[in-house]
PDB file of N, CA and C in Angstrom:
ATOM      1  N   MET A   1       0.825  -1.200   0.000  1.00  0.00           N
ATOM      2  CA  MET A   1       0.000   0.000   0.000  1.00  0.00           C
ATOM      3  C   MET A   1       0.870   1.265   0.000  1.00  0.00           C
ATOM      4  N   ILE A   2       1.819   1.313   0.936  1.00  0.00           N
ATOM      5  CA  ILE A   2       2.693   2.476   1.018  1.00  0.00           C
ATOM      6  C   ILE A   2       3.629   2.507  -0.184  1.00  0.00           C
ATOM      7  N   GLY A   3       4.057   1.337  -0.661  1.00  0.00           N
ATOM      8  CA  GLY A   3       4.942   1.250  -1.814  1.00  0.00           C
ATOM      9  C   GLY A   3       4.321   1.845  -3.066  1.00  0.00           C
ATOM     10  N   LYS A   4       3.020   1.642  -3.248  1.00  0.00           N
ATOM     11  CA  LYS A   4       2.327   2.200  -4.413  1.00  0.00           C
ATOM     12  C   LYS A   4       2.305   3.720  -4.353  1.00  0.00           C
ATOM     13  N   HIS A   5       2.120   4.267  -3.153  1.00  0.00           N
ATOM     14  CA  HIS A   5       2.097   5.724  -3.002  1.00  0.00           C
ATOM     15  C   HIS A   5       3.483   6.319  -3.264  1.00  0.00           C
ATOM     16  N   ILE A   6       4.509   5.656  -2.775  1.00  0.00           N
ATOM     17  CA  ILE A   6       5.863   6.135  -3.001  1.00  0.00           C
ATOM     18  C   ILE A   6       6.199   6.110  -4.484  1.00  0.00           C
ATOM     19  N   ILE A   7       5.810   5.042  -5.157  1.00  0.00           N
ATOM     20  CA  ILE A   7       6.069   4.932  -6.596  1.00  0.00           C
ATOM     21  C   ILE A   7       5.297   5.999  -7.354  1.00  0.00           C
ATOM     22  N   SER A   8       4.043   6.240  -6.989  1.00  0.00           N
ATOM     23  CA  SER A   8       3.258   7.252  -7.701  1.00  0.00           C
ATOM     24  C   SER A   8       3.816   8.658  -7.474  1.00  0.00           C
ATOM     25  N   VAL A   9       4.288   8.945  -6.264  1.00  0.00           N
ATOM     26  CA  VAL A   9       4.897  10.252  -6.003  1.00  0.00           C
ATOM     27  C   VAL A   9       6.179  10.402  -6.811  1.00  0.00           C
ATOM     28  N   PHE A  10       7.010   9.353  -6.833  1.00  0.00           N
ATOM     29  CA  PHE A  10       8.239   9.380  -7.615  1.00  0.00           C
ATOM     30  C   PHE A  10       7.941   9.614  -9.098  1.00  0.00           C
ATOM     31  N   GLU A  11       6.956   8.898  -9.649  1.00  0.00           N
ATOM     32  CA  GLU A  11       6.592   9.068 -11.060  1.00  0.00           C
ATOM     33  C   GLU A  11       6.057  10.464 -11.333  1.00  0.00           C
ATOM     34  N   PHE A  12       5.297  11.022 -10.390  1.00  0.00           N
ATOM     35  CA  PHE A  12       4.777  12.381 -10.536  1.00  0.00           C
ATOM     36  C   PHE A  12       5.917  13.385 -10.693  1.00  0.00           C
ATOM     37  N   TYR A  13       6.911  13.311  -9.796  1.00  0.00           N
ATOM     38  CA  TYR A  13       8.041  14.229  -9.877  1.00  0.00           C
ATOM     39  C   TYR A  13       8.920  13.951 -11.093  1.00  0.00           C
ATOM     40  N   ARG A  14       9.122  12.694 -11.425  1.00  0.00           N
ATOM     41  CA  ARG A  14       9.936  12.338 -12.588  1.00  0.00           C
ATOM     42  C   ARG A  14       9.317  12.907 -13.866  1.00  0.00           C
ATOM     43  N   ASP A  15       8.020  12.712 -14.031  1.00  0.00           N
ATOM     44  CA  ASP A  15       7.356  13.243 -15.229  1.00  0.00           C
ATOM     45  C   ASP A  15       7.350  14.766 -15.231  1.00  0.00           C
ATOM     46  N   GLY A  16       7.195  15.370 -14.067  1.00  0.00           N
ATOM     47  CA  GLY A  16       7.202  16.827 -13.978  1.00  0.00           C
ATOM     48  C   GLY A  16       8.548  17.410 -14.354  1.00  0.00           C
ATOM     49  N   PHE A  17       9.633  16.785 -13.900  1.00  0.00           N
ATOM     50  CA  PHE A  17      10.965  17.282 -14.235  1.00  0.00           C
ATOM     51  C   PHE A  17      11.298  17.044 -15.707  1.00  0.00           C
ATOM     52  N   ARG A  18      10.774  15.999 -16.284  1.00  0.00           N
ATOM     53  CA  ARG A  18      11.031  15.743 -17.711  1.00  0.00           C
ATOM     54  C   ARG A  18      10.366  16.790 -18.596  1.00  0.00           C
ATOM     55  N   ASN A  19       9.189  17.257 -18.202  1.00  0.00           N
ATOM     56  CA  ASN A  19       8.412  18.170 -19.045  1.00  0.00           C
ATOM     57  C   ASN A  19       8.681  19.641 -18.753  1.00  0.00           C
ATOM     58  N   MET A  20       9.660  19.936 -17.937  1.00  0.00           N
ATOM     59  CA  MET A  20       9.960  21.336 -17.602  1.00  0.00           C
ATOM     60  C   MET A  20      10.626  22.045 -18.766  1.00  0.00           C
ATOM     61  N   THR A  21      10.332  23.338 -18.891  1.00  0.00           N
ATOM     62  CA  THR A  21      11.048  24.162 -19.866  1.00  0.00           C
ATOM     63  C   THR A  21      11.871  25.204 -19.097  1.00  0.00           C
ATOM     64  N   TRP A  22      11.210  26.127 -18.436  1.00  0.00           N
ATOM     65  CA  TRP A  22      11.898  27.143 -17.650  1.00  0.00           C
ATOM     66  C   TRP A  22      12.381  26.578 -16.328  1.00  0.00           C
ATOM     67  N   GLY A  23      11.772  25.518 -15.897  1.00  0.00           N
ATOM     68  CA  GLY A  23      12.117  24.945 -14.604  1.00  0.00           C
ATOM     69  C   GLY A  23      13.557  24.491 -14.516  1.00  0.00           C
ATOM     70  N   ARG A  24      14.079  23.921 -15.593  1.00  0.00           N
ATOM     71  CA  ARG A  24      15.472  23.463 -15.561  1.00  0.00           C
ATOM     72  C   ARG A  24      16.427  24.626 -15.378  1.00  0.00           C
ATOM     73  N   THR A  25      16.154  25.717 -16.071  1.00  0.00           N
ATOM     74  CA  THR A  25      16.999  26.903 -15.925  1.00  0.00           C
ATOM     75  C   THR A  25      16.928  27.434 -14.501  1.00  0.00           C
ATOM     76  N   LEU A  26      15.729  27.449 -13.935  1.00  0.00           N
ATOM     77  CA  LEU A  26      15.577  27.934 -12.569  1.00  0.00           C
ATOM     78  C   LEU A  26      16.284  27.020 -11.568  1.00  0.00           C
ATOM     79  N   TRP A  27      16.217  25.714 -11.787  1.00  0.00           N
ATOM     80  CA  TRP A  27      16.919  24.787 -10.904  1.00  0.00           C
ATOM     81  C   TRP A  27      18.426  24.984 -10.999  1.00  0.00           C
ATOM     82  N   ILE A  28      18.927  25.252 -12.176  1.00  0.00           N
ATOM     83  CA  ILE A  28      20.363  25.515 -12.326  1.00  0.00           C
ATOM     84  C   ILE A  28      20.756  26.774 -11.563  1.00  0.00           C
ATOM     85  N   VAL A  29      19.933  27.808 -11.653  1.00  0.00           N
ATOM     86  CA  VAL A  29      20.203  29.050 -10.919  1.00  0.00           C
ATOM     87  C   VAL A  29      20.185  28.788  -9.416  1.00  0.00           C
ATOM     88  N   ILE A  30      19.210  28.011  -8.958  1.00  0.00           N
ATOM     89  CA  ILE A  30      19.118  27.695  -7.530  1.00  0.00           C
ATOM     90  C   ILE A  30      20.349  26.923  -7.071  1.00  0.00           C
ATOM     91  N   LEU A  31      20.779  25.931  -7.835  1.00  0.00           N
ATOM     92  CA  LEU A  31      21.940  25.137  -7.453  1.00  0.00           C
ATOM     93  C   LEU A  31      23.224  25.961  -7.456  1.00  0.00           C
ATOM     94  N   VAL A  32      23.351  26.883  -8.415  1.00  0.00           N
ATOM     95  CA  VAL A  32      24.531  27.750  -8.447  1.00  0.00           C
ATOM     96  C   VAL A  32      24.538  28.670  -7.220  1.00  0.00           C
ATOM     97  N   LYS A  33      23.370  29.210  -6.861  1.00  0.00           N
ATOM     98  CA  LYS A  33      23.282  30.067  -5.680  1.00  0.00           C
ATOM     99  C   LYS A  33      23.647  29.301  -4.420  1.00  0.00           C
ATOM    100  N   LEU A  34      23.155  28.091  -4.282  1.00  0.00           N
ATOM    101  CA  LEU A  34      23.484  27.286  -3.112  1.00  0.00           C
ATOM    102  C   LEU A  34      24.974  26.987  -3.060  1.00  0.00           C
ATOM    103  N   PHE A  35      25.564  26.702  -4.205  1.00  0.00           N
ATOM    104  CA  PHE A  35      27.003  26.455  -4.257  1.00  0.00           C
ATOM    105  C   PHE A  35      27.767  27.680  -3.794  1.00  0.00           C
ATOM    106  N   VAL A  36      27.380  28.845  -4.285  1.00  0.00           N
ATOM    107  CA  VAL A  36      28.059  30.082  -3.893  1.00  0.00           C
ATOM    108  C   VAL A  36      27.884  30.336  -2.402  1.00  0.00           C
ATOM    109  N   MET A  37      26.673  30.143  -1.894  1.00  0.00           N
ATOM    110  CA  MET A  37      26.417  30.431  -0.490  1.00  0.00           C
ATOM    111  C   MET A  37      27.193  29.504   0.436  1.00  0.00           C
ATOM    112  N   PHE A  38      27.215  28.217   0.128  1.00  0.00           N
ATOM    113  CA  PHE A  38      27.783  27.271   1.079  1.00  0.00           C
ATOM    114  C   PHE A  38      29.249  26.942   0.829  1.00  0.00           C
ATOM    115  N   VAL A  39      29.769  27.182  -0.345  1.00  0.00           N
ATOM    116  CA  VAL A  39      31.161  26.827  -0.618  1.00  0.00           C
ATOM    117  C   VAL A  39      32.026  28.073  -0.716  1.00  0.00           C
ATOM    118  N   ILE A  40      31.700  28.952  -1.625  1.00  0.00           N
ATOM    119  CA  ILE A  40      32.535  30.131  -1.865  1.00  0.00           C
ATOM    120  C   ILE A  40      32.546  31.047  -0.646  1.00  0.00           C
ATOM    121  N   LEU A  41      31.382  31.377  -0.099  1.00  0.00           N
ATOM    122  CA  LEU A  41      31.341  32.282   1.045  1.00  0.00           C
ATOM    123  C   LEU A  41      32.013  31.673   2.267  1.00  0.00           C
ATOM    124  N   ARG A  42      31.870  30.371   2.453  1.00  0.00           N
ATOM    125  CA  ARG A  42      32.517  29.721   3.601  1.00  0.00           C
ATOM    126  C   ARG A  42      34.032  29.812   3.504  1.00  0.00           C
ATOM    127  N   VAL A  43      34.553  29.616   2.321  1.00  0.00           N
ATOM    128  CA  VAL A  43      36.010  29.633   2.149  1.00  0.00           C
ATOM    129  C   VAL A  43      36.570  31.027   2.415  1.00  0.00           C
ATOM    130  N   PHE A  44      35.916  32.064   1.914  1.00  0.00           N
ATOM    131  CA  PHE A  44      36.482  33.407   1.988  1.00  0.00           C
ATOM    132  C   PHE A  44      36.047  34.221   3.202  1.00  0.00           C
ATOM    133  N   PHE A  45      34.845  33.994   3.726  1.00  0.00           N
ATOM    134  CA  PHE A  45      34.343  34.858   4.787  1.00  0.00           C
ATOM    135  C   PHE A  45      34.155  34.174   6.133  1.00  0.00           C
ATOM    136  N   PHE A  46      33.916  32.882   6.144  1.00  0.00           N
ATOM    137  CA  PHE A  46      33.640  32.187   7.394  1.00  0.00           C
ATOM    138  C   PHE A  46      34.750  31.187   7.686  1.00  0.00           C
ATOM    139  N   THR A  47      35.897  31.710   8.022  1.00  0.00           N
ATOM    140  CA  THR A  47      37.036  30.848   8.307  1.00  0.00           C
ATOM    141  C   THR A  47      36.858  30.194   9.672  1.00  0.00           C
ATOM    142  N   PRO A  48      37.261  28.957   9.820  1.00  0.00           N
ATOM    143  CA  PRO A  48      37.093  28.252  11.097  1.00  0.00           C
ATOM    144  C   PRO A  48      38.154  28.658  12.115  1.00  0.00           C
ATOM    145  N   TYR A  49      37.854  29.657  12.931  1.00  0.00           N
ATOM    146  CA  TYR A  49      38.809  30.176  13.907  1.00  0.00           C
ATOM    147  C   TYR A  49      39.137  29.136  14.979  1.00  0.00           C
ATOM    148  N   LEU A  50      38.192  28.276  15.291  1.00  0.00           N
ATOM    149  CA  LEU A  50      38.371  27.356  16.405  1.00  0.00           C
ATOM    150  C   LEU A  50      38.950  26.010  15.989  1.00  0.00           C
ATOM    151  N   LYS A  51      39.213  25.827  14.725  1.00  0.00           N
ATOM    152  CA  LYS A  51      39.721  24.538  14.256  1.00  0.00           C
ATOM    153  C   LYS A  51      41.139  24.314  14.774  1.00  0.00           C
ATOM    154  N   GLY A  52      41.360  23.145  15.338  1.00  0.00           N
ATOM    155  CA  GLY A  52      42.682  22.790  15.817  1.00  0.00           C
ATOM    156  C   GLY A  52      43.022  23.305  17.207  1.00  0.00           C
ATOM    157  N   LYS A  53      42.058  23.916  17.879  1.00  0.00           N
ATOM    158  CA  LYS A  53      42.319  24.427  19.221  1.00  0.00           C
ATOM    159  C   LYS A  53      41.763  23.450  20.246  1.00  0.00           C
ATOM    160  N   SER A  54      42.356  23.480  21.438  1.00  0.00           N
ATOM    161  CA  SER A  54      41.861  22.634  22.522  1.00  0.00           C
ATOM    162  C   SER A  54      40.579  23.242  23.087  1.00  0.00           C
ATOM    163  N   GLU A  55      39.926  22.480  23.957  1.00  0.00           N
ATOM    164  CA  GLU A  55      38.681  22.972  24.552  1.00  0.00           C
ATOM    165  C   GLU A  55      38.917  24.245  25.362  1.00  0.00           C
ATOM    166  N   LEU A  56      39.999  24.292  26.091  1.00  0.00           N
ATOM    167  CA  LEU A  56      40.306  25.468  26.900  1.00  0.00           C
ATOM    168  C   LEU A  56      40.559  26.691  26.017  1.00  0.00           C
ATOM    169  N   GLU A  57      41.295  26.508  24.934  1.00  0.00           N
ATOM    170  CA  GLU A  57      41.560  27.616  24.001  1.00  0.00           C
ATOM    171  C   GLU A  57      40.265  28.090  23.336  1.00  0.00           C
ATOM    172  N   LYS A  58      39.391  27.162  23.014  1.00  0.00           N
ATOM    173  CA  LYS A  58      38.095  27.532  22.428  1.00  0.00           C
ATOM    174  C   LYS A  58      37.285  28.358  23.411  1.00  0.00           C
ATOM    175  N   GLN A  59      37.246  27.922  24.659  1.00  0.00           N
ATOM    176  CA  GLN A  59      36.489  28.647  25.672  1.00  0.00           C
ATOM    177  C   GLN A  59      37.043  30.050  25.882  1.00  0.00           C
ATOM    178  N   GLN A  60      38.347  30.166  25.927  1.00  0.00           N
ATOM    179  CA  GLN A  60      38.968  31.477  26.117  1.00  0.00           C
ATOM    180  C   GLN A  60      38.703  32.392  24.924  1.00  0.00           C
ATOM    181  N   HIS A  61      38.795  31.854  23.720  1.00  0.00           N
ATOM    182  CA  HIS A  61      38.561  32.659  22.518  1.00  0.00           C
ATOM    183  C   HIS A  61      37.123  33.177  22.489  1.00  0.00           C
ATOM    184  N   VAL A  62      36.163  32.286  22.730  1.00  0.00           N
ATOM    185  CA  VAL A  62      34.753  32.695  22.706  1.00  0.00           C
ATOM    186  C   VAL A  62      34.479  33.702  23.825  1.00  0.00           C
ATOM    187  N   GLY A  63      35.028  33.463  25.004  1.00  0.00           N
ATOM    188  CA  GLY A  63      34.828  34.399  26.115  1.00  0.00           C
ATOM    189  C   GLY A  63      35.379  35.785  25.803  1.00  0.00           C
ATOM    190  N   CYS A  64      36.592  35.831  25.257  1.00  0.00           N
ATOM    191  CA  CYS A  64      37.189  37.128  24.894  1.00  0.00           C
ATOM    192  C   CYS A  64      36.371  37.839  23.820  1.00  0.00           C
ATOM    193  N   GLU A  65      35.901  37.107  22.833  1.00  0.00           N
ATOM    194  CA  GLU A  65      35.096  37.710  21.768  1.00  0.00           C
ATOM    195  C   GLU A  65      33.788  38.278  22.321  1.00  0.00           C
ATOM    196  N   LEU A  66      33.138  37.548  23.211  1.00  0.00           N
ATOM    197  CA  LEU A  66      31.896  38.034  23.799  1.00  0.00           C
ATOM    198  C   LEU A  66      32.130  39.288  24.617  1.00  0.00           C
ATOM    199  N   ILE A  67      33.219  39.310  25.371  1.00  0.00           N
ATOM    200  CA  ILE A  67      33.513  40.492  26.197  1.00  0.00           C
ATOM    201  C   ILE A  67      33.835  41.684  25.301  1.00  0.00           C
ATOM    202  N   GLU A  68      34.673  41.494  24.295  1.00  0.00           N
ATOM    203  CA  GLU A  68      35.057  42.606  23.405  1.00  0.00           C
ATOM    204  C   GLU A  68      33.855  43.143  22.637  1.00  0.00           C
ATOM    205  N   ARG A  69      33.009  42.269  22.162  1.00  0.00           N
ATOM    206  CA  ARG A  69      31.853  42.734  21.384  1.00  0.00           C
ATOM    207  C   ARG A  69      30.786  43.342  22.282  1.00  0.00           C
ATOM    208  N   GLY A  70      30.750  42.946  23.549  1.00  0.00           N
ATOM    209  CA  GLY A  70      29.782  43.511  24.489  1.00  0.00           C
ATOM    210  C   GLY A  70      30.146  44.923  24.898  1.00  0.00           C
ATOM    211  N   ILE A  71      31.434  45.239  24.872  1.00  0.00           N
ATOM    212  CA  ILE A  71      31.904  46.574  25.258  1.00  0.00           C
ATOM    213  C   ILE A  71      31.564  47.595  24.186  1.00  0.00           C
ATOM    214  N   LYS A  72      31.637  47.213  22.945  1.00  0.00           N
ATOM    215  CA  LYS A  72      31.412  48.155  21.832  1.00  0.00           C
ATOM    216  C   LYS A  72      30.029  48.621  21.719  1.00  0.00           C
TER     217      LYS A  72
END
């Protein structure tokens, strides 16, 4: 019973993606945006400051950052 529903949902989406015209272009744009957001921006703007530090160093770094940003 559940298998038939899963197959029908899969066929619905498969046929819908096959018959797309503008949809494929939009999906490509969406995938490119996601790539830029999660790969490019992470590499250049969100560097892992805490990577390779011990737990104590992580705690000290976060504590200092909170204090410095709270003062401003």
